[in-house]
Amino acid sequence: MEIGPIWLPERVHQAPISRESVEEVLATRPRRICFASTHRNALRHDPGESWIGRFAVPFSETVYPVFHAETGLELFLNRKYGNWWRSIRTDEEYETIQRWVDANRELVFLRDRLALSIALGEHMDAPGGRSEIGELEYRAKYHRDPSAIDALARKCETTIRRLAYYRDATGVCAVPPSPEKSFDLPSRLAGTISERLGMRNLTNTIGWRSRKPSLKEVPFNEKWDTLEQVDLSCGRDVAGQKIILVDDLYQSGITMQYVAMKMIESGAEHVYGLALVKALRDTDNE
């Protein structure tokens, strides 16, 4: 049964971020929506007495604000199943949703504490090999392949230009790398995006206060503690900005959410996450 539309503010709301709020969202499932894989059946032609189909997603974060802004359609809370959906009454409405799903089929809509959060695609294909964008990310990150770097930059640019809210961002910033890295893909992409879209590049206004160790082998429940010990310096240039925060691989999203927290504490209006690829898992080491 449809029980009222979700309340939507005039624009996306950026809630405060804290360790507790991040831990809360990390405990929820599912944390991704991808119409090419996990939710390929979100839109169904399902004729009934007064409808011709239905569209349903398991959570509202990120996906609903973008859907509503680009289609003008509302979703409704189904308390029985805990998802958000609408019955589709006309062919025109079905075609509107179909076009929207097709345009965003490869995107991964993420549930976290950022105002909005997406990845351009999933890292791996179902058979176990890297996806097309996963292969580009691998070549760009580990081989510094110029053609792969350019292809990723163009994909970022195209997505930002067409996606609601992202196209209105005023600044772009890479998740800061460890200082000893000689090449950092997110920083390279943030610079290119800034030049092509006329946004402020805020990457050099933030940085780790002390040496940040690799967190790949840090257990999931210790990662936030490690980030707090390293700490992040965030300049006043982020104040009042709507910032696209760029990273390469999104797994649990802890680092991105920690950086966003510091930006918001320094006055950023909204932080929109943009990762190149989403890992198969939603957690780090446990």
Protein backbone atom coordinates (compact mmCIF):
# COMPACT_ATOMS: atom_id res chain seq x y z
CA MET A 1 0.00 0.00 0.00
CA GLU A 2 1.26 3.51 -0.82
CA ILE A 3 1.54 5.61 2.34
CA GLY A 4 2.40 9.17 1.42
CA PRO A 5 5.36 10.60 -0.50
CA ILE A 6 8.75 11.03 1.10
CA TRP A 7 9.28 14.58 2.32
CA LEU A 8 11.57 16.34 -0.11
CA PRO A 9 13.26 19.66 0.68
CA GLU A 10 13.52 22.27 -2.05
CA ARG A 11 17.09 21.16 -2.49
CA VAL A 12 19.26 18.35 -1.22
CA HIS A 13 19.97 18.55 2.48
CA GLN A 14 23.44 18.06 3.93
CA ALA A 15 23.12 16.59 7.41
CA PRO A 16 26.00 16.81 9.87
CA ILE A 17 28.40 13.88 9.78
CA SER A 18 29.77 12.20 12.89
CA ARG A 19 31.38 8.93 13.76
CA GLU A 20 28.09 7.72 15.21
CA SER A 21 26.08 8.62 12.11
CA VAL A 22 28.64 6.91 9.84
CA GLU A 23 28.60 3.78 12.00
CA GLU A 24 24.81 3.77 11.80
CA VAL A 25 24.71 3.92 8.01
CA LEU A 26 27.48 1.32 7.70
CA ALA A 27 25.26 -1.11 9.62
CA THR A 28 22.42 -0.78 7.11
CA ARG A 29 21.81 -3.00 4.09
CA PRO A 30 21.63 -2.62 1.19
CA ARG A 31 23.99 0.29 0.59
CA ARG A 32 23.96 0.41 -3.20
CA ILE A 33 21.51 0.56 -6.07
CA CYS A 34 22.69 -0.28 -9.59
CA PHE A 35 20.12 -0.75 -12.33
CA ALA A 36 22.61 -2.75 -14.40
CA SER A 37 23.11 -5.42 -11.73
CA THR A 38 21.71 -5.51 -8.21
CA HIS A 39 18.45 -3.75 -9.11
CA ARG A 40 17.97 -4.57 -12.77
CA ASN A 41 14.30 -5.38 -12.02
CA ALA A 42 13.51 -2.09 -10.28
CA LEU A 43 11.21 -1.11 -13.15
CA ARG A 44 8.65 -3.72 -14.12
CA HIS A 45 5.82 -3.92 -16.58
CA ASP A 46 3.19 -5.42 -14.29
CA PRO A 47 -0.37 -4.72 -15.47
CA GLY A 48 -3.12 -4.54 -12.86
CA GLU A 49 -6.61 -3.13 -12.52
CA SER A 50 -5.48 0.51 -12.52
CA TRP A 51 -1.76 0.42 -13.31
CA ILE A 52 0.58 -0.88 -16.00
CA GLY A 53 3.78 -1.27 -14.01
CA ARG A 54 5.78 -0.33 -10.93
CA PHE A 55 9.12 1.15 -9.96
CA ALA A 56 10.74 0.33 -6.60
CA VAL A 57 14.06 0.99 -4.87
CA PRO A 58 15.14 -0.19 -1.39
CA PHE A 59 16.24 3.18 0.03
CA SER A 60 15.82 6.87 -0.70
CA GLU A 61 19.33 8.28 -0.20
CA THR A 62 20.86 9.77 -3.36
CA VAL A 63 18.60 7.91 -5.81
CA TYR A 64 15.29 9.56 -4.88
CA PRO A 65 16.43 13.22 -4.95
CA VAL A 66 18.04 12.71 -8.38
CA PHE A 67 15.05 10.73 -9.67
CA HIS A 68 12.59 13.38 -8.47
CA ALA A 69 14.63 16.29 -9.84
CA GLU A 70 14.96 14.71 -13.28
CA THR A 71 11.50 13.15 -13.72
CA GLY A 72 9.24 15.26 -11.51
CA LEU A 73 7.77 12.05 -10.09
CA GLU A 74 7.39 11.08 -6.45
CA LEU A 75 8.05 7.79 -4.71
CA PHE A 76 5.99 6.43 -1.86
CA LEU A 77 6.97 4.62 1.31
CA ASN A 78 5.73 1.04 1.47
CA ARG A 79 5.80 0.22 5.16
CA LYS A 80 5.10 -3.46 4.55
CA TYR A 81 8.28 -4.03 2.53
CA GLY A 82 10.33 -1.06 3.71
CA ASN A 83 11.04 0.21 0.21
CA TRP A 84 10.09 3.26 -1.89
CA TRP A 85 7.98 2.80 -4.97
CA ARG A 86 5.22 4.04 -7.23
CA SER A 87 2.61 2.30 -9.31
CA ILE A 88 2.73 3.46 -12.92
CA ARG A 89 -0.60 4.44 -14.43
CA THR A 90 0.21 5.55 -17.98
CA ASP A 91 2.48 4.63 -20.87
CA GLU A 92 3.94 8.15 -20.79
CA GLU A 93 4.91 7.80 -17.13
CA TYR A 94 6.44 4.37 -17.77
CA GLU A 95 8.49 5.73 -20.66
CA THR A 96 9.70 8.66 -18.51
CA ILE A 97 11.00 6.28 -15.84
CA GLN A 98 12.44 3.92 -18.46
CA ARG A 99 14.45 6.75 -20.02
CA TRP A 100 15.74 7.79 -16.60
CA VAL A 101 16.75 4.23 -15.67
CA ASP A 102 18.48 3.74 -19.03
CA ALA A 103 20.41 7.01 -18.66
CA ASN A 104 21.63 5.98 -15.21
CA ARG A 105 21.91 2.22 -15.68
CA GLU A 106 25.64 1.92 -14.94
CA LEU A 107 25.72 4.38 -12.03
CA VAL A 108 25.88 3.07 -8.48
CA PHE A 109 23.70 5.11 -6.13
CA LEU A 110 25.26 4.92 -2.66
CA ARG A 111 23.77 5.17 0.81
CA ASP A 112 26.09 7.14 3.09
CA ARG A 113 26.20 10.44 4.99
CA LEU A 114 27.12 12.70 2.10
CA ALA A 115 24.41 14.89 0.58
CA LEU A 116 24.59 12.64 -2.51
CA SER A 117 26.99 9.85 -3.37
CA ILE A 118 27.56 7.86 -6.56
CA ALA A 119 30.12 5.71 -8.33
CA LEU A 120 30.39 5.72 -12.10
CA GLY A 121 30.12 1.94 -12.17
CA GLU A 122 30.87 -1.31 -10.40
CA HIS A 123 34.48 -2.44 -10.22
CA MET A 124 33.89 -6.03 -11.24
CA ASP A 125 31.56 -7.79 -13.66
CA ALA A 126 29.46 -10.71 -12.47
CA PRO A 127 31.83 -13.35 -13.92
CA GLY A 128 34.63 -12.03 -11.73
CA GLY A 129 36.70 -9.90 -14.09
CA ARG A 130 37.06 -6.14 -14.08
CA SER A 131 34.25 -4.17 -15.66
CA GLU A 132 34.93 -1.73 -18.49
CA ILE A 133 35.29 1.19 -16.11
CA GLY A 134 37.14 -1.03 -13.63
CA GLU A 135 39.71 -1.75 -16.33
CA LEU A 136 40.07 1.96 -17.06
CA GLU A 137 40.57 2.68 -13.37
CA TYR A 138 43.21 -0.07 -13.12
CA ARG A 139 45.15 1.17 -16.16
CA ALA A 140 44.95 4.79 -15.05
CA LYS A 141 45.86 4.18 -11.40
CA TYR A 142 48.59 1.56 -11.71
CA HIS A 143 49.99 2.21 -15.19
CA ARG A 144 49.29 5.93 -15.58
CA ASP A 145 47.84 5.21 -19.00
CA PRO A 146 47.08 8.61 -20.59
CA SER A 147 44.20 7.26 -22.68
CA ALA A 148 42.58 5.67 -19.62
CA ILE A 149 43.02 8.84 -17.57
CA ASP A 150 41.42 10.91 -20.34
CA ALA A 151 38.54 8.44 -20.73
CA LEU A 152 37.81 8.60 -16.99
CA ALA A 153 37.98 12.40 -17.01
CA ARG A 154 35.47 12.51 -19.86
CA LYS A 155 33.14 10.10 -18.05
CA CYS A 156 33.31 12.28 -14.91
CA GLU A 157 32.66 15.42 -16.94
CA THR A 158 29.71 13.91 -18.79
CA THR A 159 28.13 12.60 -15.59
CA ILE A 160 28.51 15.91 -13.75
CA ARG A 161 27.07 17.90 -16.66
CA ARG A 162 23.90 15.81 -16.91
CA LEU A 163 23.19 14.80 -13.30
CA ALA A 164 20.90 16.89 -11.11
CA TYR A 165 22.68 18.72 -8.28
CA TYR A 166 26.13 17.65 -9.45
CA ARG A 167 25.91 20.06 -12.39
CA ASP A 168 25.31 22.91 -9.93
CA ALA A 169 28.40 22.22 -7.83
CA THR A 170 30.80 25.13 -7.36
CA GLY A 171 33.96 23.24 -6.42
CA VAL A 172 35.72 19.94 -6.90
CA CYS A 173 38.21 18.28 -4.56
CA ALA A 174 40.10 15.00 -4.48
CA VAL A 175 40.25 12.89 -1.33
CA PRO A 176 43.79 13.86 -0.26
CA PRO A 177 46.48 11.25 -0.91
CA SER A 178 49.43 10.36 1.30
CA PRO A 179 52.12 13.02 0.75
CA GLU A 180 54.69 10.51 -0.51
CA LYS A 181 52.57 9.45 -3.51
CA SER A 182 54.19 10.55 -6.76
CA PHE A 183 50.95 10.12 -8.73
CA ASP A 184 47.40 10.39 -7.46
CA LEU A 185 44.55 9.64 -9.85
CA PRO A 186 41.75 11.49 -7.96
CA SER A 187 43.91 14.64 -7.78
CA ARG A 188 44.64 14.42 -11.49
CA LEU A 189 40.96 14.04 -12.31
CA ALA A 190 39.90 16.85 -9.97
CA GLY A 191 42.28 19.19 -11.78
CA THR A 192 40.91 18.21 -15.19
CA ILE A 193 37.28 18.46 -14.06
CA SER A 194 37.98 21.91 -12.61
CA GLU A 195 39.44 23.16 -15.88
CA ARG A 196 36.75 21.70 -18.12
CA LEU A 197 33.73 22.68 -16.01
CA GLY A 198 34.96 25.98 -14.57
CA MET A 199 34.74 24.83 -10.95
CA ARG A 200 37.14 25.79 -8.20
CA ASN A 201 39.75 23.12 -7.56
CA LEU A 202 39.91 22.85 -3.77
CA THR A 203 42.28 19.89 -3.65
CA ASN A 204 45.25 21.91 -2.42
CA THR A 205 43.24 23.53 0.38
CA ILE A 206 42.95 20.30 2.39
CA GLY A 207 45.53 17.78 3.55
CA TRP A 208 46.45 15.28 6.23
CA ARG A 209 48.09 16.87 9.27
CA SER A 210 50.45 13.94 9.75
CA ARG A 211 51.57 10.98 7.70
CA LYS A 212 48.59 8.88 6.73
CA PRO A 213 49.39 5.17 6.62
CA SER A 214 47.84 2.84 4.09
CA LEU A 215 44.46 1.76 5.39
CA LYS A 216 44.07 -1.28 3.17
CA GLU A 217 45.08 -3.67 5.92
CA VAL A 218 43.50 -1.72 8.80
CA PRO A 219 40.51 -3.58 10.30
CA PHE A 220 37.16 -1.99 9.58
CA ASN A 221 36.46 -1.01 13.20
CA GLU A 222 39.87 0.68 13.58
CA LYS A 223 39.83 2.77 10.42
CA TRP A 224 38.03 5.81 11.87
CA ASP A 225 40.40 5.87 14.85
CA THR A 226 43.34 5.91 12.47
CA LEU A 227 41.89 8.82 10.50
CA GLU A 228 41.24 10.80 13.68
CA GLN A 229 44.83 10.30 14.77
CA VAL A 230 46.14 11.51 11.42
CA ASP A 231 43.55 14.35 11.29
CA LEU A 232 42.74 16.53 8.33
CA SER A 233 43.47 20.20 7.78
CA CYS A 234 40.67 21.92 5.87
CA GLY A 235 41.03 25.53 4.75
CA ARG A 236 38.35 28.21 4.78
CA ASP A 237 38.08 28.10 0.98
CA VAL A 238 35.52 25.29 1.29
CA ALA A 239 33.06 27.53 3.18
CA GLY A 240 29.80 28.02 1.31
CA GLN A 241 30.82 25.67 -1.50
CA LYS A 242 28.89 22.80 -3.06
CA ILE A 243 31.75 20.36 -3.49
CA ILE A 244 32.18 17.25 -5.61
CA LEU A 245 34.53 14.99 -3.65
CA VAL A 246 36.42 12.65 -5.99
CA ASP A 247 37.94 9.27 -5.17
CA ASP A 248 38.92 6.24 -7.21
CA LEU A 249 37.63 3.15 -5.36
CA TYR A 250 34.64 3.24 -3.00
CA GLN A 251 34.50 0.28 -0.63
CA SER A 252 33.08 1.16 2.79
CA GLY A 253 33.26 4.91 2.12
CA ILE A 254 34.73 5.68 5.54
CA THR A 255 37.57 7.87 4.26
CA MET A 256 35.28 9.85 1.96
CA GLN A 257 32.79 10.41 4.78
CA TYR A 258 35.54 11.48 7.19
CA VAL A 259 36.86 14.03 4.67
CA ALA A 260 33.30 15.27 4.03
CA MET A 261 32.77 15.68 7.79
CA LYS A 262 35.82 17.95 8.00
CA MET A 263 34.61 19.98 5.01
CA ILE A 264 31.19 20.49 6.56
CA GLU A 265 32.78 21.51 9.87
CA SER A 266 34.71 24.12 7.85
CA GLY A 267 31.54 25.50 6.32
CA ALA A 268 30.95 23.52 3.11
CA GLU A 269 27.28 23.71 2.10
CA HIS A 270 26.99 20.30 0.42
CA VAL A 271 29.40 17.48 -0.35
CA TYR A 272 28.59 15.21 -3.30
CA GLY A 273 30.61 12.02 -3.57
CA LEU A 274 31.92 10.91 -6.97
CA ALA A 275 33.87 7.64 -7.02
CA LEU A 276 35.12 5.99 -10.18
CA VAL A 277 34.21 2.45 -9.15
CA LYS A 278 32.32 0.67 -6.38
CA ALA A 279 33.96 -2.42 -4.91
CA LEU A 280 32.11 -5.71 -4.63
CA ARG A 281 32.09 -5.48 -0.84
CA ASP A 282 30.57 -2.71 1.27
CA THR A 283 33.05 -3.17 4.12
CA ASP A 284 36.78 -2.97 4.52
CA ASN A 285 38.73 -5.59 6.49
CA GLU A 286 36.74 -6.96 9.43
